[in-house]
PDB file of N, CA and C in Angstrom:
ATOM      1  N   MET A   1      21.520  -2.568  -6.512  1.00  0.00           N
ATOM      2  CA  MET A   1      20.606  -1.464  -6.578  1.00  0.00           C
ATOM      3  C   MET A   1      21.327  -0.266  -5.913  1.00  0.00           C
ATOM      4  N   LYS A   2      21.087   0.796  -6.520  1.00  0.00           N
ATOM      5  CA  LYS A   2      21.586   2.158  -5.992  1.00  0.00           C
ATOM      6  C   LYS A   2      20.699   2.550  -4.911  1.00  0.00           C
ATOM      7  N   VAL A   3      21.248   3.206  -3.902  1.00  0.00           N
ATOM      8  CA  VAL A   3      20.389   3.760  -2.777  1.00  0.00           C
ATOM      9  C   VAL A   3      19.292   4.680  -3.336  1.00  0.00           C
ATOM     10  N   SER A   4      19.670   5.455  -4.396  1.00  0.00           N
ATOM     11  CA  SER A   4      18.621   6.342  -5.010  1.00  0.00           C
ATOM     12  C   SER A   4      17.454   5.603  -5.489  1.00  0.00           C
ATOM     13  N   GLN A   5      17.669   4.403  -6.086  1.00  0.00           N
ATOM     14  CA  GLN A   5      16.579   3.530  -6.568  1.00  0.00           C
ATOM     15  C   GLN A   5      15.739   2.986  -5.456  1.00  0.00           C
ATOM     16  N   LEU A   6      16.356   2.649  -4.314  1.00  0.00           N
ATOM     17  CA  LEU A   6      15.619   2.140  -3.124  1.00  0.00           C
ATOM     18  C   LEU A   6      14.759   3.317  -2.621  1.00  0.00           C
ATOM     19  N   LEU A   7      15.366   4.451  -2.445  1.00  0.00           N
ATOM     20  CA  LEU A   7      14.603   5.536  -1.847  1.00  0.00           C
ATOM     21  C   LEU A   7      13.417   5.980  -2.760  1.00  0.00           C
ATOM     22  N   GLU A   8      13.570   5.818  -4.141  1.00  0.00           N
ATOM     23  CA  GLU A   8      12.413   6.005  -5.023  1.00  0.00           C
ATOM     24  C   GLU A   8      11.331   5.001  -4.762  1.00  0.00           C
ATOM     25  N   GLN A   9      11.635   3.828  -4.552  1.00  0.00           N
ATOM     26  CA  GLN A   9      10.661   2.760  -4.317  1.00  0.00           C
ATOM     27  C   GLN A   9       9.899   3.019  -2.931  1.00  0.00           C
ATOM     28  N   LEU A  10      10.716   3.533  -1.963  1.00  0.00           N
ATOM     29  CA  LEU A  10      10.176   3.743  -0.606  1.00  0.00           C
ATOM     30  C   LEU A  10       9.220   4.951  -0.620  1.00  0.00           C
ATOM     31  N   ARG A  11       9.225   5.825  -1.603  1.00  0.00           N
ATOM     32  CA  ARG A  11       8.395   6.969  -1.620  1.00  0.00           C
ATOM     33  C   ARG A  11       6.916   6.528  -1.753  1.00  0.00           C
ATOM     34  N   ASP A  12       6.662   5.275  -2.181  1.00  0.00           N
ATOM     35  CA  ASP A  12       5.316   4.823  -2.359  1.00  0.00           C
ATOM     36  C   ASP A  12       4.612   4.492  -1.037  1.00  0.00           C
ATOM     37  N   TYR A  13       5.404   4.502   0.083  1.00  0.00           N
ATOM     38  CA  TYR A  13       4.894   4.109   1.348  1.00  0.00           C
ATOM     39  C   TYR A  13       4.671   5.339   2.277  1.00  0.00           C
ATOM     40  N   GLU A  14       3.633   5.218   3.152  1.00  0.00           N
ATOM     41  CA  GLU A  14       3.468   6.260   4.169  1.00  0.00           C
ATOM     42  C   GLU A  14       4.629   6.140   5.159  1.00  0.00           C
ATOM     43  N   PRO A  15       4.987   7.151   5.809  1.00  0.00           N
ATOM     44  CA  PRO A  15       6.190   7.092   6.772  1.00  0.00           C
ATOM     45  C   PRO A  15       6.022   6.146   7.840  1.00  0.00           C
ATOM     46  N   ASP A  16       4.721   5.821   8.306  1.00  0.00           N
ATOM     47  CA  ASP A  16       4.567   4.888   9.395  1.00  0.00           C
ATOM     48  C   ASP A  16       4.354   3.441   8.971  1.00  0.00           C
ATOM     49  N   THR A  17       4.488   3.172   7.659  1.00  0.00           N
ATOM     50  CA  THR A  17       4.227   1.815   7.162  1.00  0.00           C
ATOM     51  C   THR A  17       5.403   0.955   7.706  1.00  0.00           C
ATOM     52  N   GLU A  18       5.026  -0.265   8.215  1.00  0.00           N
ATOM     53  CA  GLU A  18       6.024  -1.241   8.639  1.00  0.00           C
ATOM     54  C   GLU A  18       6.504  -2.033   7.390  1.00  0.00           C
ATOM     55  N   LEU A  19       7.829  -2.235   7.285  1.00  0.00           N
ATOM     56  CA  LEU A  19       8.386  -2.987   6.103  1.00  0.00           C
ATOM     57  C   LEU A  19       9.457  -3.936   6.670  1.00  0.00           C
ATOM     58  N   ILE A  20       9.687  -5.022   5.958  1.00  0.00           N
ATOM     59  CA  ILE A  20      10.882  -5.885   6.185  1.00  0.00           C
ATOM     60  C   ILE A  20      11.789  -5.499   5.105  1.00  0.00           C
ATOM     61  N   VAL A  21      12.969  -5.128   5.470  1.00  0.00           N
ATOM     62  CA  VAL A  21      14.007  -4.701   4.516  1.00  0.00           C
ATOM     63  C   VAL A  21      15.339  -5.375   4.814  1.00  0.00           C
ATOM     64  N   ALA A  22      15.971  -5.862   3.769  1.00  0.00           N
ATOM     65  CA  ALA A  22      17.241  -6.534   3.852  1.00  0.00           C
ATOM     66  C   ALA A  22      18.165  -5.851   2.915  1.00  0.00           C
ATOM     67  N   TYR A  23      19.352  -5.561   3.248  1.00  0.00           N
ATOM     68  CA  TYR A  23      20.348  -5.023   2.321  1.00  0.00           C
ATOM     69  C   TYR A  23      21.803  -5.411   2.789  1.00  0.00           C
ATOM     70  N   TRP A  24      22.665  -5.445   1.919  1.00  0.00           N
ATOM     71  CA  TRP A  24      24.061  -5.706   2.192  1.00  0.00           C
ATOM     72  C   TRP A  24      24.957  -4.729   1.411  1.00  0.00           C
ATOM     73  N   ASP A  25      26.016  -4.219   2.075  1.00  0.00           N
ATOM     74  CA  ASP A  25      26.909  -3.371   1.331  1.00  0.00           C
ATOM     75  C   ASP A  25      28.199  -4.160   1.140  1.00  0.00           C
ATOM     76  N   LYS A  26      29.125  -3.600   0.353  1.00  0.00           N
ATOM     77  CA  LYS A  26      30.347  -4.266   0.031  1.00  0.00           C
ATOM     78  C   LYS A  26      31.199  -4.637   1.248  1.00  0.00           C
ATOM     79  N   GLU A  27      31.252  -3.708   2.201  1.00  0.00           N
ATOM     80  CA  GLU A  27      32.152  -4.026   3.438  1.00  0.00           C
ATOM     81  C   GLU A  27      31.503  -5.104   4.243  1.00  0.00           C
ATOM     82  N   THR A  28      30.164  -5.200   4.258  1.00  0.00           N
ATOM     83  CA  THR A  28      29.548  -6.359   4.991  1.00  0.00           C
ATOM     84  C   THR A  28      29.843  -7.596   4.377  1.00  0.00           C
ATOM     85  N   ILE A  29      29.712  -7.682   3.087  1.00  0.00           N
ATOM     86  CA  ILE A  29      30.025  -8.943   2.370  1.00  0.00           C
ATOM     87  C   ILE A  29      31.446  -9.369   2.506  1.00  0.00           C
ATOM     88  N   GLU A  30      32.370  -8.371   2.425  1.00  0.00           N
ATOM     89  CA  GLU A  30      33.756  -8.704   2.634  1.00  0.00           C
ATOM     90  C   GLU A  30      33.966  -9.171   4.091  1.00  0.00           C
ATOM     91  N   GLY A  31      33.246  -8.562   5.043  1.00  0.00           N
ATOM     92  CA  GLY A  31      33.345  -9.019   6.409  1.00  0.00           C
ATOM     93  C   GLY A  31      32.937 -10.430   6.639  1.00  0.00           C
ATOM     94  N   TYR A  32      32.080 -11.009   5.703  1.00  0.00           N
ATOM     95  CA  TYR A  32      31.612 -12.377   5.787  1.00  0.00           C
ATOM     96  C   TYR A  32      32.698 -13.272   5.237  1.00  0.00           C
ATOM     97  N   GLY A  33      33.776 -12.771   4.744  1.00  0.00           N
ATOM     98  CA  GLY A  33      34.883 -13.551   4.236  1.00  0.00           C
ATOM     99  C   GLY A  33      35.070 -13.495   2.697  1.00  0.00           C
ATOM    100  N   ALA A  34      34.215 -12.670   2.002  1.00  0.00           N
ATOM    101  CA  ALA A  34      34.493 -12.579   0.573  1.00  0.00           C
ATOM    102  C   ALA A  34      35.799 -11.838   0.345  1.00  0.00           C
ATOM    103  N   PRO A  35      36.397 -12.055  -0.770  1.00  0.00           N
ATOM    104  CA  PRO A  35      37.675 -11.261  -1.054  1.00  0.00           C
ATOM    105  C   PRO A  35      37.401  -9.781  -1.161  1.00  0.00           C
ATOM    106  N   THR A  36      38.438  -9.025  -0.884  1.00  0.00           N
ATOM    107  CA  THR A  36      38.337  -7.518  -1.072  1.00  0.00           C
ATOM    108  C   THR A  36      38.071  -7.266  -2.533  1.00  0.00           C
ATOM    109  N   MET A  37      37.118  -6.390  -2.833  1.00  0.00           N
ATOM    110  CA  MET A  37      36.734  -6.040  -4.156  1.00  0.00           C
ATOM    111  C   MET A  37      36.819  -4.639  -4.486  1.00  0.00           C
ATOM    112  N   THR A  38      37.106  -4.290  -5.736  1.00  0.00           N
ATOM    113  CA  THR A  38      36.979  -2.942  -6.222  1.00  0.00           C
ATOM    114  C   THR A  38      35.540  -2.576  -6.318  1.00  0.00           C
ATOM    115  N   GLU A  39      35.220  -1.303  -6.528  1.00  0.00           N
ATOM    116  CA  GLU A  39      33.844  -0.871  -6.741  1.00  0.00           C
ATOM    117  C   GLU A  39      33.253  -1.488  -7.965  1.00  0.00           C
ATOM    118  N   ASP A  40      34.059  -1.585  -9.069  1.00  0.00           N
ATOM    119  CA  ASP A  40      33.534  -2.282 -10.250  1.00  0.00           C
ATOM    120  C   ASP A  40      33.223  -3.722 -10.054  1.00  0.00           C
ATOM    121  N   GLN A  41      34.028  -4.430  -9.335  1.00  0.00           N
ATOM    122  CA  GLN A  41      33.755  -5.804  -8.963  1.00  0.00           C
ATOM    123  C   GLN A  41      32.489  -5.963  -8.176  1.00  0.00           C
ATOM    124  N   TRP A  42      32.386  -5.063  -7.110  1.00  0.00           N
ATOM    125  CA  TRP A  42      31.173  -5.002  -6.337  1.00  0.00           C
ATOM    126  C   TRP A  42      29.979  -4.823  -7.090  1.00  0.00           C
ATOM    127  N   GLY A  43      30.018  -3.917  -8.135  1.00  0.00           N
ATOM    128  CA  GLY A  43      28.918  -3.669  -8.969  1.00  0.00           C
ATOM    129  C   GLY A  43      28.512  -4.906  -9.774  1.00  0.00           C
ATOM    130  N   GLU A  44      29.463  -5.748 -10.174  1.00  0.00           N
ATOM    131  CA  GLU A  44      29.197  -7.021 -10.835  1.00  0.00           C
ATOM    132  C   GLU A  44      28.525  -7.982  -9.898  1.00  0.00           C
ATOM    133  N   VAL A  45      28.952  -7.988  -8.616  1.00  0.00           N
ATOM    134  CA  VAL A  45      28.337  -8.871  -7.652  1.00  0.00           C
ATOM    135  C   VAL A  45      26.899  -8.489  -7.505  1.00  0.00           C
ATOM    136  N   VAL A  46      26.625  -7.102  -7.361  1.00  0.00           N
ATOM    137  CA  VAL A  46      25.268  -6.615  -7.177  1.00  0.00           C
ATOM    138  C   VAL A  46      24.415  -7.044  -8.356  1.00  0.00           C
ATOM    139  N   SER A  47      24.945  -6.804  -9.558  1.00  0.00           N
ATOM    140  CA  SER A  47      24.205  -7.155 -10.776  1.00  0.00           C
ATOM    141  C   SER A  47      23.805  -8.607 -10.844  1.00  0.00           C
ATOM    142  N   SER A  48      24.807  -9.448 -10.541  1.00  0.00           N
ATOM    143  CA  SER A  48      24.579 -10.882 -10.506  1.00  0.00           C
ATOM    144  C   SER A  48      23.569 -11.338  -9.459  1.00  0.00           C
ATOM    145  N   TYR A  49      23.600 -10.640  -8.353  1.00  0.00           N
ATOM    146  CA  TYR A  49      22.609 -10.958  -7.321  1.00  0.00           C
ATOM    147  C   TYR A  49      21.237 -10.491  -7.744  1.00  0.00           C
ATOM    148  N   GLU A  50      21.065  -9.349  -8.228  1.00  0.00           N
ATOM    149  CA  GLU A  50      19.758  -8.785  -8.656  1.00  0.00           C
ATOM    150  C   GLU A  50      19.181  -9.622  -9.764  1.00  0.00           C
ATOM    151  N   ASP A  51      19.990 -10.251 -10.559  1.00  0.00           N
ATOM    152  CA  ASP A  51      19.439 -11.187 -11.611  1.00  0.00           C
ATOM    153  C   ASP A  51      18.767 -12.343 -11.040  1.00  0.00           C
ATOM    154  N   GLY A  52      19.218 -12.781  -9.809  1.00  0.00           N
ATOM    155  CA  GLY A  52      18.658 -13.979  -9.196  1.00  0.00           C
ATOM    156  C   GLY A  52      17.879 -13.660  -7.938  1.00  0.00           C
ATOM    157  N   GLU A  53      17.577 -12.413  -7.670  1.00  0.00           N
ATOM    158  CA  GLU A  53      16.955 -11.908  -6.432  1.00  0.00           C
ATOM    159  C   GLU A  53      15.609 -12.630  -6.239  1.00  0.00           C
ATOM    160  N   TRP A  54      14.884 -12.903  -7.330  1.00  0.00           N
ATOM    161  CA  TRP A  54      13.583 -13.512  -7.136  1.00  0.00           C
ATOM    162  C   TRP A  54      13.622 -14.829  -6.452  1.00  0.00           C
ATOM    163  N   HIS A  55      14.805 -15.560  -6.533  1.00  0.00           N
ATOM    164  CA  HIS A  55      14.922 -16.876  -5.850  1.00  0.00           C
ATOM    165  C   HIS A  55      14.906 -16.609  -4.370  1.00  0.00           C
ATOM    166  N   TRP A  56      15.635 -15.651  -3.930  1.00  0.00           N
ATOM    167  CA  TRP A  56      15.606 -15.327  -2.463  1.00  0.00           C
ATOM    168  C   TRP A  56      14.254 -14.912  -2.031  1.00  0.00           C
ATOM    169  N   GLN A  57      13.603 -14.036  -2.793  1.00  0.00           N
ATOM    170  CA  GLN A  57      12.302 -13.462  -2.463  1.00  0.00           C
ATOM    171  C   GLN A  57      11.247 -14.662  -2.433  1.00  0.00           C
ATOM    172  N   GLY A  58      11.353 -15.573  -3.315  1.00  0.00           N
ATOM    173  CA  GLY A  58      10.480 -16.727  -3.397  1.00  0.00           C
ATOM    174  C   GLY A  58      10.555 -17.552  -2.117  1.00  0.00           C
ATOM    175  N   SER A  59      11.749 -17.885  -1.669  1.00  0.00           N
ATOM    176  CA  SER A  59      11.991 -18.671  -0.449  1.00  0.00           C
ATOM    177  C   SER A  59      11.571 -17.868   0.809  1.00  0.00           C
ATOM    178  N   ALA A  60      11.858 -16.503   0.783  1.00  0.00           N
ATOM    179  CA  ALA A  60      11.477 -15.684   1.848  1.00  0.00           C
ATOM    180  C   ALA A  60      10.005 -15.560   2.001  1.00  0.00           C
ATOM    181  N   SER A  61       9.282 -15.555   0.876  1.00  0.00           N
ATOM    182  CA  SER A  61       7.842 -15.422   0.948  1.00  0.00           C
ATOM    183  C   SER A  61       7.220 -16.600   1.657  1.00  0.00           C
ATOM    184  N   GLU A  62       7.750 -17.809   1.471  1.00  0.00           N
ATOM    185  CA  GLU A  62       7.227 -18.891   2.208  1.00  0.00           C
ATOM    186  C   GLU A  62       7.410 -18.811   3.682  1.00  0.00           C
ATOM    187  N   ASP A  63       8.679 -18.295   4.130  1.00  0.00           N
ATOM    188  CA  ASP A  63       8.863 -18.074   5.463  1.00  0.00           C
ATOM    189  C   ASP A  63       7.876 -17.003   6.091  1.00  0.00           C
ATOM    190  N   PHE A  64       7.681 -15.908   5.335  1.00  0.00           N
ATOM    191  CA  PHE A  64       6.764 -14.883   5.837  1.00  0.00           C
ATOM    192  C   PHE A  64       5.382 -15.285   6.024  1.00  0.00           C
ATOM    193  N   VAL A  65       4.937 -16.246   5.002  1.00  0.00           N
ATOM    194  CA  VAL A  65       3.473 -16.794   5.169  1.00  0.00           C
ATOM    195  C   VAL A  65       3.416 -17.703   6.396  1.00  0.00           C
ATOM    196  N   GLU A  66       4.489 -18.501   6.614  1.00  0.00           N
ATOM    197  CA  GLU A  66       4.479 -19.364   7.766  1.00  0.00           C
ATOM    198  C   GLU A  66       4.502 -18.509   9.105  1.00  0.00           C
ATOM    199  N   ILE A  67       5.267 -17.490   9.124  1.00  0.00           N
ATOM    200  CA  ILE A  67       5.345 -16.718  10.330  1.00  0.00           C
ATOM    201  C   ILE A  67       3.968 -15.994  10.538  1.00  0.00           C
ATOM    202  N   ALA A  68       3.385 -15.467   9.521  1.00  0.00           N
ATOM    203  CA  ALA A  68       2.090 -14.804   9.577  1.00  0.00           C
ATOM    204  C   ALA A  68       1.016 -15.750   9.998  1.00  0.00           C
ATOM    205  N   GLU A  69       1.053 -16.953   9.491  1.00  0.00           N
ATOM    206  CA  GLU A  69       0.080 -18.001   9.935  1.00  0.00           C
ATOM    207  C   GLU A  69       0.175 -18.293  11.392  1.00  0.00           C
ATOM    208  N   ASN A  70       1.451 -18.370  11.874  1.00  0.00           N
ATOM    209  CA  ASN A  70       1.625 -18.666  13.351  1.00  0.00           C
ATOM    210  C   ASN A  70       1.210 -17.502  14.197  1.00  0.00           C
ATOM    211  N   VAL A  71       1.416 -16.217  13.710  1.00  0.00           N
ATOM    212  CA  VAL A  71       0.984 -15.100  14.505  1.00  0.00           C
ATOM    213  C   VAL A  71      -0.501 -15.019  14.565  1.00  0.00           C
ATOM    214  N   VAL A  72      -1.203 -15.208  13.477  1.00  0.00           N
ATOM    215  CA  VAL A  72      -2.606 -15.124  13.396  1.00  0.00           C
ATOM    216  C   VAL A  72      -3.293 -16.234  14.214  1.00  0.00           C
ATOM    217  N   ALA A  73      -2.683 -17.387  14.225  1.00  0.00           N
ATOM    218  CA  ALA A  73      -3.222 -18.559  14.950  1.00  0.00           C
ATOM    219  C   ALA A  73      -2.988 -18.485  16.370  1.00  0.00           C
ATOM    220  N   THR A  74      -2.139 -17.642  16.843  1.00  0.00           N
ATOM    221  CA  THR A  74      -1.816 -17.535  18.291  1.00  0.00           C
ATOM    222  C   THR A  74      -2.819 -16.559  18.892  1.00  0.00           C
ATOM    223  N   PRO A  75      -3.500 -17.074  19.955  1.00  0.00           N
ATOM    224  CA  PRO A  75      -4.582 -16.243  20.546  1.00  0.00           C
ATOM    225  C   PRO A  75      -4.011 -15.092  21.355  1.00  0.00           C
TER     226      PRO A  75
END
């Protein structure tokens, strides 16, 4: 995703809205041990990830529900 696309999505929210946001840039991924990539190669990585992003979101949604249930249940 391009930063401009993210900023466009964020315009739908009020400035004080709390969000959970996760992002990774090329340098961070390379820092995790991935090989050094060109910008074109990084673009392919991003495209491949975005094609499967719903898998991550699906598993994260279960975690968020569990956390929310624990928070609400705590007096």
